[in-house]
């Protein structure tokens, strides 16, 4: 399946927030830290501040990337397994030789995806920004 990948616009924040809110609601291991409205405002503020990609019409997923730290800050798919994550990851890898991200330790399905994409675990912390354990992963081109 192919997806149109484009830079996000401010008006895309609601669709991106809906994907994240649905994901949070489906995880019994993840406590909700922010209201759906606050999450949408955070995403809206992040769109112009980062390299922010969306996939599909309607939006099926997004990837938010901090170019200075080379860090994936947010990466969500409405329907994991349909190829949207791969398309977004391929886009952010273009022209880069390494990337990093933090992932909730309990999110083992995401870790399997990241490993297939060439990421390796390089660190852990017991309390991430959500108050739960996280894993740091890196991708290096041609390794």
C-alpha atoms as a PDB file:
ATOM      1  CA  UNK A   1       0.000   0.000   0.000  1.00  0.00           C
ATOM      2  CA  UNK A   2       1.289   3.499  -0.755  1.00  0.00           C
ATOM      3  CA  UNK A   3       0.598   6.647   1.233  1.00  0.00           C
ATOM      4  CA  UNK A   4       1.069  10.267   0.324  1.00  0.00           C
ATOM      5  CA  UNK A   5       3.669  11.672   2.722  1.00  0.00           C
ATOM      6  CA  UNK A   6       3.619  15.438   3.188  1.00  0.00           C
ATOM      7  CA  UNK A   7       4.653  18.084   5.699  1.00  0.00           C
ATOM      8  CA  UNK A   8       2.005  18.678   8.337  1.00  0.00           C
ATOM      9  CA  UNK A   9       0.012  21.887   8.626  1.00  0.00           C
ATOM     10  CA  UNK A  10      -1.498  23.359  11.766  1.00  0.00           C
ATOM     11  CA  UNK A  11      -4.950  22.153  10.744  1.00  0.00           C
ATOM     12  CA  UNK A  12      -3.633  18.534  10.864  1.00  0.00           C
ATOM     13  CA  UNK A  13      -3.188  18.683  14.655  1.00  0.00           C
ATOM     14  CA  UNK A  14      -6.706  17.419  15.421  1.00  0.00           C
ATOM     15  CA  UNK A  15      -6.324  14.305  13.241  1.00  0.00           C
ATOM     16  CA  UNK A  16      -2.869  13.560  14.688  1.00  0.00           C
ATOM     17  CA  UNK A  17      -4.145  14.033  18.252  1.00  0.00           C
ATOM     18  CA  UNK A  18      -7.072  11.690  17.584  1.00  0.00           C
ATOM     19  CA  UNK A  19      -4.624   8.943  16.582  1.00  0.00           C
ATOM     20  CA  UNK A  20      -2.564   9.429  19.750  1.00  0.00           C
ATOM     21  CA  UNK A  21      -5.627   9.656  21.998  1.00  0.00           C
ATOM     22  CA  UNK A  22      -7.005   6.394  20.592  1.00  0.00           C
ATOM     23  CA  UNK A  23      -3.596   4.779  21.149  1.00  0.00           C
ATOM     24  CA  UNK A  24      -3.390   5.997  24.763  1.00  0.00           C
ATOM     25  CA  UNK A  25      -6.920   4.803  25.494  1.00  0.00           C
ATOM     26  CA  UNK A  26      -6.026   1.324  24.203  1.00  0.00           C
ATOM     27  CA  UNK A  27      -2.995   0.920  26.504  1.00  0.00           C
ATOM     28  CA  UNK A  28      -3.734  -0.221  30.046  1.00  0.00           C
ATOM     29  CA  UNK A  29      -0.062   0.268  30.965  1.00  0.00           C
ATOM     30  CA  UNK A  30       0.037   3.960  29.975  1.00  0.00           C
ATOM     31  CA  UNK A  31      -1.471   6.510  32.344  1.00  0.00           C
ATOM     32  CA  UNK A  32      -3.045   9.520  30.640  1.00  0.00           C
ATOM     33  CA  UNK A  33      -0.950  12.593  31.420  1.00  0.00           C
ATOM     34  CA  UNK A  34      -2.841  15.187  29.362  1.00  0.00           C
ATOM     35  CA  UNK A  35      -6.401  15.810  28.274  1.00  0.00           C
ATOM     36  CA  UNK A  36      -7.239  15.203  24.607  1.00  0.00           C
ATOM     37  CA  UNK A  37      -7.477  18.977  24.106  1.00  0.00           C
ATOM     38  CA  UNK A  38      -4.091  19.637  25.710  1.00  0.00           C
ATOM     39  CA  UNK A  39      -2.528  16.917  23.557  1.00  0.00           C
ATOM     40  CA  UNK A  40      -3.958  18.527  20.425  1.00  0.00           C
ATOM     41  CA  UNK A  41      -2.512  21.912  21.431  1.00  0.00           C
ATOM     42  CA  UNK A  42       0.893  20.337  22.087  1.00  0.00           C
ATOM     43  CA  UNK A  43       0.864  18.759  18.631  1.00  0.00           C
ATOM     44  CA  UNK A  44      -0.285  22.029  17.025  1.00  0.00           C
ATOM     45  CA  UNK A  45       2.661  23.830  18.672  1.00  0.00           C
ATOM     46  CA  UNK A  46       5.082  21.112  17.535  1.00  0.00           C
ATOM     47  CA  UNK A  47       4.130  21.196  13.867  1.00  0.00           C
ATOM     48  CA  UNK A  48       5.998  24.413  12.954  1.00  0.00           C
ATOM     49  CA  UNK A  49       8.808  23.719  15.428  1.00  0.00           C
ATOM     50  CA  UNK A  50       9.819  20.337  14.002  1.00  0.00           C
ATOM     51  CA  UNK A  51      10.090  18.381  10.807  1.00  0.00           C
ATOM     52  CA  UNK A  52       6.574  16.992  11.024  1.00  0.00           C
ATOM     53  CA  UNK A  53       5.310  14.459   8.459  1.00  0.00           C
ATOM     54  CA  UNK A  54       1.802  13.055   7.966  1.00  0.00           C
ATOM     55  CA  UNK A  55       0.747  10.082   5.839  1.00  0.00           C
ATOM     56  CA  UNK A  56      -2.505   9.452   4.030  1.00  0.00           C
ATOM     57  CA  UNK A  57      -5.701  11.305   3.261  1.00  0.00           C
ATOM     58  CA  UNK A  58      -7.364  11.130   5.682  1.00  0.00           C
ATOM     59  CA  UNK A  59      -4.309  11.115   7.932  1.00  0.00           C
ATOM     60  CA  UNK A  60      -3.331   7.574   8.930  1.00  0.00           C
ATOM     61  CA  UNK A  61      -0.172   8.397  10.870  1.00  0.00           C
ATOM     62  CA  UNK A  62       2.482  10.964  11.643  1.00  0.00           C
ATOM     63  CA  UNK A  63       6.126  11.349  12.593  1.00  0.00           C
ATOM     64  CA  UNK A  64       7.518  14.355  14.453  1.00  0.00           C
ATOM     65  CA  UNK A  65      11.293  14.815  14.210  1.00  0.00           C
ATOM     66  CA  UNK A  66      13.614  17.166  16.115  1.00  0.00           C
ATOM     67  CA  UNK A  67      16.315  17.909  13.530  1.00  0.00           C
ATOM     68  CA  UNK A  68      18.798  19.382  16.030  1.00  0.00           C
ATOM     69  CA  UNK A  69      18.816  16.272  18.212  1.00  0.00           C
ATOM     70  CA  UNK A  70      18.076  13.901  15.309  1.00  0.00           C
ATOM     71  CA  UNK A  71      15.357  12.488  17.526  1.00  0.00           C
ATOM     72  CA  UNK A  72      11.964  11.087  16.626  1.00  0.00           C
ATOM     73  CA  UNK A  73       9.676  12.796  19.125  1.00  0.00           C
ATOM     74  CA  UNK A  74       6.331  11.307  18.132  1.00  0.00           C
ATOM     75  CA  UNK A  75       5.488   8.446  15.796  1.00  0.00           C
ATOM     76  CA  UNK A  76       1.964   7.035  15.585  1.00  0.00           C
ATOM     77  CA  UNK A  77      -0.134   5.024  13.170  1.00  0.00           C
ATOM     78  CA  UNK A  78      -3.921   4.694  13.268  1.00  0.00           C
ATOM     79  CA  UNK A  79      -3.659   1.077  12.077  1.00  0.00           C
ATOM     80  CA  UNK A  80      -0.260  -0.485  12.757  1.00  0.00           C
ATOM     81  CA  UNK A  81       0.740  -3.067  10.177  1.00  0.00           C
ATOM     82  CA  UNK A  82      -0.701  -1.307   7.128  1.00  0.00           C
ATOM     83  CA  UNK A  83       2.611   0.189   5.913  1.00  0.00           C
ATOM     84  CA  UNK A  84       2.130   3.774   7.048  1.00  0.00           C
ATOM     85  CA  UNK A  85       4.837   3.498   9.718  1.00  0.00           C
ATOM     86  CA  UNK A  86       7.332   2.109   7.218  1.00  0.00           C
ATOM     87  CA  UNK A  87       6.524   4.915   4.758  1.00  0.00           C
ATOM     88  CA  UNK A  88       7.024   7.598   7.417  1.00  0.00           C
ATOM     89  CA  UNK A  89      10.228   5.996   8.706  1.00  0.00           C
ATOM     90  CA  UNK A  90      11.644   5.761   5.181  1.00  0.00           C
ATOM     91  CA  UNK A  91      10.896   9.457   4.691  1.00  0.00           C
ATOM     92  CA  UNK A  92      12.652  10.612   7.873  1.00  0.00           C
ATOM     93  CA  UNK A  93      15.698   8.426   7.117  1.00  0.00           C
ATOM     94  CA  UNK A  94      16.212  10.108   3.716  1.00  0.00           C
ATOM     95  CA  UNK A  95      19.515  11.981   3.658  1.00  0.00           C
ATOM     96  CA  UNK A  96      20.411  11.063   7.227  1.00  0.00           C
ATOM     97  CA  UNK A  97      23.019   8.735   8.654  1.00  0.00           C
ATOM     98  CA  UNK A  98      21.597   8.251  12.163  1.00  0.00           C
ATOM     99  CA  UNK A  99      18.444   8.782  14.204  1.00  0.00           C
ATOM    100  CA  UNK A 100      17.451   8.250  17.813  1.00  0.00           C
ATOM    101  CA  UNK A 101      14.229   7.798  19.757  1.00  0.00           C
ATOM    102  CA  UNK A 102      12.831   6.896  23.151  1.00  0.00           C
ATOM    103  CA  UNK A 103      10.103   4.258  23.361  1.00  0.00           C
ATOM    104  CA  UNK A 104       7.987   3.079  26.282  1.00  0.00           C
ATOM    105  CA  UNK A 105       9.541  -0.150  27.569  1.00  0.00           C
ATOM    106  CA  UNK A 106       6.122  -1.854  27.542  1.00  0.00           C
ATOM    107  CA  UNK A 107       5.578  -1.073  23.857  1.00  0.00           C
ATOM    108  CA  UNK A 108       7.122  -4.308  22.591  1.00  0.00           C
ATOM    109  CA  UNK A 109       5.315  -4.250  19.227  1.00  0.00           C
ATOM    110  CA  UNK A 110       6.943  -0.907  18.465  1.00  0.00           C
ATOM    111  CA  UNK A 111      10.351  -2.297  19.443  1.00  0.00           C
ATOM    112  CA  UNK A 112       9.922  -5.162  16.984  1.00  0.00           C
ATOM    113  CA  UNK A 113       9.147  -2.626  14.239  1.00  0.00           C
ATOM    114  CA  UNK A 114      12.152  -0.487  15.160  1.00  0.00           C
ATOM    115  CA  UNK A 115      14.455  -3.516  15.131  1.00  0.00           C
ATOM    116  CA  UNK A 116      13.180  -4.448  11.635  1.00  0.00           C
ATOM    117  CA  UNK A 117      14.038  -0.868  10.636  1.00  0.00           C
ATOM    118  CA  UNK A 118      17.615  -1.301  11.880  1.00  0.00           C
ATOM    119  CA  UNK A 119      17.342   0.367  15.288  1.00  0.00           C
ATOM    120  CA  UNK A 120      19.238  -1.066  18.248  1.00  0.00           C
ATOM    121  CA  UNK A 121      18.741  -0.483  21.952  1.00  0.00           C
ATOM    122  CA  UNK A 122      21.445   1.770  23.424  1.00  0.00           C
ATOM    123  CA  UNK A 123      20.025   2.753  26.802  1.00  0.00           C
ATOM    124  CA  UNK A 124      17.204   2.704  29.323  1.00  0.00           C
ATOM    125  CA  UNK A 125      15.705   4.901  31.986  1.00  0.00           C
ATOM    126  CA  UNK A 126      13.301   3.901  34.738  1.00  0.00           C
ATOM    127  CA  UNK A 127      11.141   7.035  34.503  1.00  0.00           C
ATOM    128  CA  UNK A 128      10.536   8.728  31.187  1.00  0.00           C
ATOM    129  CA  UNK A 129       8.427  11.830  30.635  1.00  0.00           C
ATOM    130  CA  UNK A 130       5.268   9.734  31.195  1.00  0.00           C
ATOM    131  CA  UNK A 131       6.640   8.382  34.475  1.00  0.00           C
ATOM    132  CA  UNK A 132       7.166   4.866  33.137  1.00  0.00           C
ATOM    133  CA  UNK A 133      10.302   3.030  31.922  1.00  0.00           C
ATOM    134  CA  UNK A 134      11.672   3.898  28.474  1.00  0.00           C
ATOM    135  CA  UNK A 135      14.195   2.451  26.051  1.00  0.00           C
ATOM    136  CA  UNK A 136      16.538   4.566  23.920  1.00  0.00           C
ATOM    137  CA  UNK A 137      17.170   3.248  20.410  1.00  0.00           C
ATOM    138  CA  UNK A 138      19.407   4.409  17.554  1.00  0.00           C
ATOM    139  CA  UNK A 139      19.539   3.770  13.839  1.00  0.00           C
ATOM    140  CA  UNK A 140      22.786   4.132  11.904  1.00  0.00           C
ATOM    141  CA  UNK A 141      22.870   4.003   8.137  1.00  0.00           C
ATOM    142  CA  UNK A 142      24.717   1.016   6.694  1.00  0.00           C
ATOM    143  CA  UNK A 143      25.270  -0.739  10.008  1.00  0.00           C
END
